[in-house]
Amino acid sequence: QRGKVNALGRETLTFMDSVMEQLSADKEMRVVILRSLIPGIFCAGADLKERVNFTQEEVRTYVQKAQKMITDMEQLRMPVIGALDGHAMGGGLEWALACDFRVAASNAKLGLTETSLGIIPGAGGTQRLSRLVGRSKAKYLIFTASVLKGEDVEKIGLADLVVSQNETGDAAYHAAVDMARKIVP
């Protein structure tokens, strides 16, 4: 987490890697809810302010760490619900795409926006997106760096459920808790 944007920097990736190790070893855990505590943002993606100073080798290492962390989450034995109470951009959306289910607030915006900077989504987002929404729609969203929100996200299958945001900004989280209760009675 960096500031108010919840960016995926080295520190966050290292922390989340250890969380994935703990979860994969936990035999009691039945469901995981992935959420942000920063109002209005799920995850802004790569920490571009940090990444601008990376060498080519550091970029390669960073991308490999991001791929590993996201793939490790996707391969957890228990279902993972992404509670998107805010924007999920770039690597943040790639992270959400690896969740088994995505619940989004109506005001959340989602997009693989790094393509507008000439950066290809490097953590599996292109493949996961096309599996969810179809090849043609995924290409359109990637090539145009489109940002979708609300009903459009649910309509194309990018989210399993979209809920109206509440005053406290955690409607998707509460809906994810309800979903988790149905998964684990």
C-alpha atoms as a PDB file:
ATOM      1  CA  GLN A   1       0.000   0.000   0.000  1.00  0.00           C
ATOM      2  CA  ARG A   2       1.352   3.391  -0.925  1.00  0.00           C
ATOM      3  CA  GLY A   3      -0.518   6.381   0.313  1.00  0.00           C
ATOM      4  CA  LYS A   4      -4.142   6.646  -0.631  1.00  0.00           C
ATOM      5  CA  VAL A   5      -3.987   4.697  -3.899  1.00  0.00           C
ATOM      6  CA  ASN A   6      -3.231   1.209  -2.574  1.00  0.00           C
ATOM      7  CA  ALA A   7      -0.569   0.576  -5.180  1.00  0.00           C
ATOM      8  CA  LEU A   8       1.229  -2.735  -5.706  1.00  0.00           C
ATOM      9  CA  GLY A   9       4.795  -1.891  -4.793  1.00  0.00           C
ATOM     10  CA  ARG A  10       7.587  -4.216  -3.726  1.00  0.00           C
ATOM     11  CA  GLU A  11       6.594  -3.987  -0.059  1.00  0.00           C
ATOM     12  CA  THR A  12       2.962  -4.898  -0.783  1.00  0.00           C
ATOM     13  CA  LEU A  13       3.958  -7.813  -3.013  1.00  0.00           C
ATOM     14  CA  THR A  14       6.316  -9.177  -0.355  1.00  0.00           C
ATOM     15  CA  PHE A  15       3.620  -8.849   2.302  1.00  0.00           C
ATOM     16  CA  MET A  16       0.942 -10.467   0.130  1.00  0.00           C
ATOM     17  CA  ASP A  17       3.305 -13.288  -0.808  1.00  0.00           C
ATOM     18  CA  SER A  18       3.629 -14.142   2.893  1.00  0.00           C
ATOM     19  CA  VAL A  19      -0.155 -13.897   3.295  1.00  0.00           C
ATOM     20  CA  MET A  20      -0.628 -16.365   0.408  1.00  0.00           C
ATOM     21  CA  GLU A  21       1.839 -18.766   2.055  1.00  0.00           C
ATOM     22  CA  GLN A  22      -0.093 -18.553   5.340  1.00  0.00           C
ATOM     23  CA  LEU A  23      -3.437 -19.080   3.613  1.00  0.00           C
ATOM     24  CA  SER A  24      -2.225 -22.035   1.577  1.00  0.00           C
ATOM     25  CA  ALA A  25      -0.981 -23.696   4.785  1.00  0.00           C
ATOM     26  CA  ASP A  26      -4.186 -22.953   6.736  1.00  0.00           C
ATOM     27  CA  LYS A  27      -6.357 -26.080   6.839  1.00  0.00           C
ATOM     28  CA  GLU A  28      -9.183 -24.321   8.743  1.00  0.00           C
ATOM     29  CA  MET A  29      -9.819 -21.375   6.418  1.00  0.00           C
ATOM     30  CA  ARG A  30     -12.924 -21.948   4.305  1.00  0.00           C
ATOM     31  CA  VAL A  31     -13.277 -18.683   2.382  1.00  0.00           C
ATOM     32  CA  VAL A  32     -11.215 -15.514   1.885  1.00  0.00           C
ATOM     33  CA  ILE A  33     -12.485 -11.990   1.244  1.00  0.00           C
ATOM     34  CA  LEU A  34      -9.966  -9.672  -0.387  1.00  0.00           C
ATOM     35  CA  ARG A  35     -10.738  -6.009   0.227  1.00  0.00           C
ATOM     36  CA  SER A  36      -9.149  -2.623   0.672  1.00  0.00           C
ATOM     37  CA  LEU A  37      -9.522  -0.438   3.725  1.00  0.00           C
ATOM     38  CA  ILE A  38      -8.750   2.678   1.695  1.00  0.00           C
ATOM     39  CA  PRO A  39     -12.036   4.389   0.770  1.00  0.00           C
ATOM     40  CA  GLY A  40     -12.814   4.495  -2.937  1.00  0.00           C
ATOM     41  CA  ILE A  41      -9.913   2.332  -4.105  1.00  0.00           C
ATOM     42  CA  PHE A  42      -9.488  -1.416  -4.283  1.00  0.00           C
ATOM     43  CA  CYS A  43      -6.044  -1.233  -5.874  1.00  0.00           C
ATOM     44  CA  ALA A  44      -4.501   1.213  -8.330  1.00  0.00           C
ATOM     45  CA  GLY A  45      -2.143  -1.410  -9.751  1.00  0.00           C
ATOM     46  CA  ALA A  46       1.623  -1.144 -10.017  1.00  0.00           C
ATOM     47  CA  ASP A  47       3.306   1.597  -8.046  1.00  0.00           C
ATOM     48  CA  LEU A  48       4.439   3.556 -11.090  1.00  0.00           C
ATOM     49  CA  LYS A  49       6.287   6.146  -8.972  1.00  0.00           C
ATOM     50  CA  GLU A  50       8.384   3.320  -7.549  1.00  0.00           C
ATOM     51  CA  ARG A  51       8.663   1.467 -10.857  1.00  0.00           C
ATOM     52  CA  VAL A  52       9.928   4.474 -12.852  1.00  0.00           C
ATOM     53  CA  ASN A  53      13.314   4.072 -11.154  1.00  0.00           C
ATOM     54  CA  PHE A  54      13.587   0.313 -11.784  1.00  0.00           C
ATOM     55  CA  THR A  55      16.235  -1.170 -14.026  1.00  0.00           C
ATOM     56  CA  GLN A  56      15.062  -3.664 -16.678  1.00  0.00           C
ATOM     57  CA  GLU A  57      16.091  -6.515 -14.359  1.00  0.00           C
ATOM     58  CA  GLU A  58      14.146  -4.988 -11.448  1.00  0.00           C
ATOM     59  CA  VAL A  59      11.063  -4.657 -13.683  1.00  0.00           C
ATOM     60  CA  ARG A  60      11.400  -8.326 -14.663  1.00  0.00           C
ATOM     61  CA  THR A  61      11.748  -9.390 -11.007  1.00  0.00           C
ATOM     62  CA  TYR A  62       8.799  -7.196  -9.988  1.00  0.00           C
ATOM     63  CA  VAL A  63       6.550  -8.626 -12.717  1.00  0.00           C
ATOM     64  CA  GLN A  64       7.531 -12.182 -11.759  1.00  0.00           C
ATOM     65  CA  LYS A  65       6.687 -11.471  -8.089  1.00  0.00           C
ATOM     66  CA  ALA A  66       3.318 -10.006  -9.081  1.00  0.00           C
ATOM     67  CA  GLN A  67       2.578 -12.997 -11.317  1.00  0.00           C
ATOM     68  CA  LYS A  68       3.499 -15.410  -8.528  1.00  0.00           C
ATOM     69  CA  MET A  69       1.436 -13.655  -5.852  1.00  0.00           C
ATOM     70  CA  ILE A  70      -1.640 -13.414  -8.074  1.00  0.00           C
ATOM     71  CA  THR A  71      -1.324 -17.005  -9.306  1.00  0.00           C
ATOM     72  CA  ASP A  72      -0.799 -18.260  -5.746  1.00  0.00           C
ATOM     73  CA  MET A  73      -4.032 -16.536  -4.740  1.00  0.00           C
ATOM     74  CA  GLU A  74      -5.887 -17.981  -7.704  1.00  0.00           C
ATOM     75  CA  GLN A  75      -4.704 -21.467  -6.735  1.00  0.00           C
ATOM     76  CA  LEU A  76      -5.750 -21.324  -3.071  1.00  0.00           C
ATOM     77  CA  ARG A  77      -7.871 -24.326  -2.093  1.00  0.00           C
ATOM     78  CA  MET A  78     -10.592 -22.095  -0.644  1.00  0.00           C
ATOM     79  CA  PRO A  79     -12.725 -19.640  -2.652  1.00  0.00           C
ATOM     80  CA  VAL A  80     -11.560 -16.024  -2.756  1.00  0.00           C
ATOM     81  CA  ILE A  81     -14.116 -13.230  -3.028  1.00  0.00           C
ATOM     82  CA  GLY A  82     -12.895  -9.836  -4.195  1.00  0.00           C
ATOM     83  CA  ALA A  83     -14.870  -7.021  -2.564  1.00  0.00           C
ATOM     84  CA  LEU A  84     -14.391  -4.060  -4.904  1.00  0.00           C
ATOM     85  CA  ASP A  85     -15.643  -1.045  -2.992  1.00  0.00           C
ATOM     86  CA  GLY A  86     -13.467   1.190  -5.097  1.00  0.00           C
ATOM     87  CA  HIS A  87     -11.482   1.413  -8.288  1.00  0.00           C
ATOM     88  CA  ALA A  88      -9.428  -1.537  -9.551  1.00  0.00           C
ATOM     89  CA  MET A  89      -7.041  -0.351 -12.220  1.00  0.00           C
ATOM     90  CA  GLY A  90      -4.223  -2.103 -14.035  1.00  0.00           C
ATOM     91  CA  GLY A  91      -2.601  -4.658 -11.750  1.00  0.00           C
ATOM     92  CA  GLY A  92      -5.411  -4.039  -9.257  1.00  0.00           C
ATOM     93  CA  LEU A  93      -7.887  -5.410 -11.773  1.00  0.00           C
ATOM     94  CA  GLU A  94      -5.509  -8.249 -12.604  1.00  0.00           C
ATOM     95  CA  TRP A  95      -5.525  -9.114  -8.900  1.00  0.00           C
ATOM     96  CA  ALA A  96      -9.333  -8.978  -8.779  1.00  0.00           C
ATOM     97  CA  LEU A  97      -9.586 -11.154 -11.904  1.00  0.00           C
ATOM     98  CA  ALA A  98      -7.758 -13.936 -10.042  1.00  0.00           C
ATOM     99  CA  CYS A  99     -10.494 -14.023  -7.390  1.00  0.00           C
ATOM    100  CA  ASP A 100     -13.083 -16.785  -7.714  1.00  0.00           C
ATOM    101  CA  PHE A 101     -15.849 -14.199  -7.348  1.00  0.00           C
ATOM    102  CA  ARG A 102     -15.957 -10.431  -7.673  1.00  0.00           C
ATOM    103  CA  VAL A 103     -18.509  -8.222  -5.928  1.00  0.00           C
ATOM    104  CA  ALA A 104     -18.317  -4.588  -7.026  1.00  0.00           C
ATOM    105  CA  ALA A 105     -19.908  -1.440  -5.694  1.00  0.00           C
ATOM    106  CA  SER A 106     -21.871   0.542  -8.260  1.00  0.00           C
ATOM    107  CA  ASN A 107     -19.332   3.377  -8.151  1.00  0.00           C
ATOM    108  CA  ALA A 108     -16.245   1.164  -8.588  1.00  0.00           C
ATOM    109  CA  LYS A 109     -14.342   1.636 -11.829  1.00  0.00           C
ATOM    110  CA  LEU A 110     -12.414  -1.243 -13.377  1.00  0.00           C
ATOM    111  CA  GLY A 111      -9.930  -1.227 -16.229  1.00  0.00           C
ATOM    112  CA  LEU A 112      -6.584  -2.435 -17.526  1.00  0.00           C
ATOM    113  CA  THR A 113      -5.533   1.163 -18.021  1.00  0.00           C
ATOM    114  CA  GLU A 114      -1.789   0.542 -18.224  1.00  0.00           C
ATOM    115  CA  THR A 115      -2.195  -0.134 -21.923  1.00  0.00           C
ATOM    116  CA  SER A 116      -2.742   3.606 -22.420  1.00  0.00           C
ATOM    117  CA  LEU A 117       0.885   4.003 -21.216  1.00  0.00           C
ATOM    118  CA  GLY A 118       2.164   1.314 -23.566  1.00  0.00           C
ATOM    119  CA  ILE A 119       2.463  -1.225 -20.728  1.00  0.00           C
ATOM    120  CA  ILE A 120       1.046  -4.698 -21.308  1.00  0.00           C
ATOM    121  CA  PRO A 121      -0.779  -6.240 -18.329  1.00  0.00           C
ATOM    122  CA  GLY A 122       1.904  -8.588 -17.028  1.00  0.00           C
ATOM    123  CA  ALA A 123       0.250 -10.613 -14.281  1.00  0.00           C
ATOM    124  CA  GLY A 124      -2.137 -12.731 -16.341  1.00  0.00           C
ATOM    125  CA  GLY A 125      -4.902 -10.169 -16.696  1.00  0.00           C
ATOM    126  CA  THR A 126      -5.195 -10.507 -20.457  1.00  0.00           C
ATOM    127  CA  GLN A 127      -5.850 -14.251 -20.218  1.00  0.00           C
ATOM    128  CA  ARG A 128      -8.132 -14.068 -17.181  1.00  0.00           C
ATOM    129  CA  LEU A 129     -10.144 -11.215 -18.688  1.00  0.00           C
ATOM    130  CA  SER A 130     -10.733 -13.070 -21.961  1.00  0.00           C
ATOM    131  CA  ARG A 131     -11.856 -16.177 -20.049  1.00  0.00           C
ATOM    132  CA  LEU A 132     -14.392 -14.095 -18.140  1.00  0.00           C
ATOM    133  CA  VAL A 133     -15.810 -11.786 -20.790  1.00  0.00           C
ATOM    134  CA  GLY A 134     -14.832 -13.418 -24.083  1.00  0.00           C
ATOM    135  CA  ARG A 135     -11.979 -12.769 -26.452  1.00  0.00           C
ATOM    136  CA  SER A 136     -13.470  -9.932 -28.494  1.00  0.00           C
ATOM    137  CA  LYS A 137     -14.720  -7.923 -25.492  1.00  0.00           C
ATOM    138  CA  ALA A 138     -11.387  -8.461 -23.689  1.00  0.00           C
ATOM    139  CA  LYS A 139      -9.429  -7.220 -26.714  1.00  0.00           C
ATOM    140  CA  TYR A 140     -11.615  -4.132 -26.916  1.00  0.00           C
ATOM    141  CA  LEU A 141     -11.166  -3.353 -23.207  1.00  0.00           C
ATOM    142  CA  ILE A 142      -7.395  -3.928 -23.382  1.00  0.00           C
ATOM    143  CA  PHE A 143      -6.687  -2.118 -26.659  1.00  0.00           C
ATOM    144  CA  THR A 144      -8.776   0.922 -25.700  1.00  0.00           C
ATOM    145  CA  ALA A 145      -7.774   0.976 -21.992  1.00  0.00           C
ATOM    146  CA  SER A 146     -11.495   1.291 -21.292  1.00  0.00           C
ATOM    147  CA  VAL A 147     -12.758   1.874 -17.775  1.00  0.00           C
ATOM    148  CA  LEU A 148     -16.099   0.320 -16.853  1.00  0.00           C
ATOM    149  CA  LYS A 149     -18.264   0.803 -13.813  1.00  0.00           C
ATOM    150  CA  GLY A 150     -21.451  -0.348 -12.183  1.00  0.00           C
ATOM    151  CA  GLU A 151     -23.968  -2.280 -14.205  1.00  0.00           C
ATOM    152  CA  ASP A 152     -21.636  -2.481 -17.217  1.00  0.00           C
ATOM    153  CA  VAL A 153     -19.189  -4.517 -15.141  1.00  0.00           C
ATOM    154  CA  GLU A 154     -21.883  -7.032 -14.191  1.00  0.00           C
ATOM    155  CA  LYS A 155     -23.455  -7.024 -17.641  1.00  0.00           C
ATOM    156  CA  ILE A 156     -20.295  -8.279 -19.341  1.00  0.00           C
ATOM    157  CA  GLY A 157     -19.417 -10.740 -16.562  1.00  0.00           C
ATOM    158  CA  LEU A 158     -16.487  -8.857 -15.072  1.00  0.00           C
ATOM    159  CA  ALA A 159     -18.256  -8.910 -11.690  1.00  0.00           C
ATOM    160  CA  ASP A 160     -20.572 -11.585 -10.364  1.00  0.00           C
ATOM    161  CA  LEU A 161     -22.603  -9.051  -8.433  1.00  0.00           C
ATOM    162  CA  VAL A 162     -22.852  -5.255  -8.370  1.00  0.00           C
ATOM    163  CA  VAL A 163     -24.385  -3.542  -5.362  1.00  0.00           C
ATOM    164  CA  SER A 164     -25.323   0.069  -4.705  1.00  0.00           C
ATOM    165  CA  GLN A 165     -22.633   1.751  -2.672  1.00  0.00           C
ATOM    166  CA  ASN A 166     -23.623   2.717   0.866  1.00  0.00           C
ATOM    167  CA  GLU A 167     -22.730   5.786   2.947  1.00  0.00           C
ATOM    168  CA  THR A 168     -19.832   4.018   4.651  1.00  0.00           C
ATOM    169  CA  GLY A 169     -18.304   2.910   1.334  1.00  0.00           C
ATOM    170  CA  ASP A 170     -18.263  -0.807   2.123  1.00  0.00           C
ATOM    171  CA  ALA A 171     -21.348  -2.210   0.383  1.00  0.00           C
ATOM    172  CA  ALA A 172     -19.349  -4.675  -1.726  1.00  0.00           C
ATOM    173  CA  TYR A 173     -17.613  -5.965   1.390  1.00  0.00           C
ATOM    174  CA  HIS A 174     -20.951  -6.569   3.138  1.00  0.00           C
ATOM    175  CA  ALA A 175     -22.297  -8.345   0.055  1.00  0.00           C
ATOM    176  CA  ALA A 176     -19.097 -10.439  -0.023  1.00  0.00           C
ATOM    177  CA  VAL A 177     -19.654 -11.401   3.619  1.00  0.00           C
ATOM    178  CA  ASP A 178     -23.211 -12.475   2.732  1.00  0.00           C
ATOM    179  CA  MET A 179     -21.823 -14.543  -0.159  1.00  0.00           C
ATOM    180  CA  ALA A 180     -19.206 -16.104   2.130  1.00  0.00           C
ATOM    181  CA  ARG A 181     -21.923 -17.088   4.615  1.00  0.00           C
ATOM    182  CA  LYS A 182     -23.715 -18.951   1.818  1.00  0.00           C
ATOM    183  CA  ILE A 183     -20.498 -20.709   0.834  1.00  0.00           C
ATOM    184  CA  VAL A 184     -19.685 -21.615   4.449  1.00  0.00           C
ATOM    185  CA  PRO A 185     -22.959 -22.233   6.302  1.00  0.00           C
END
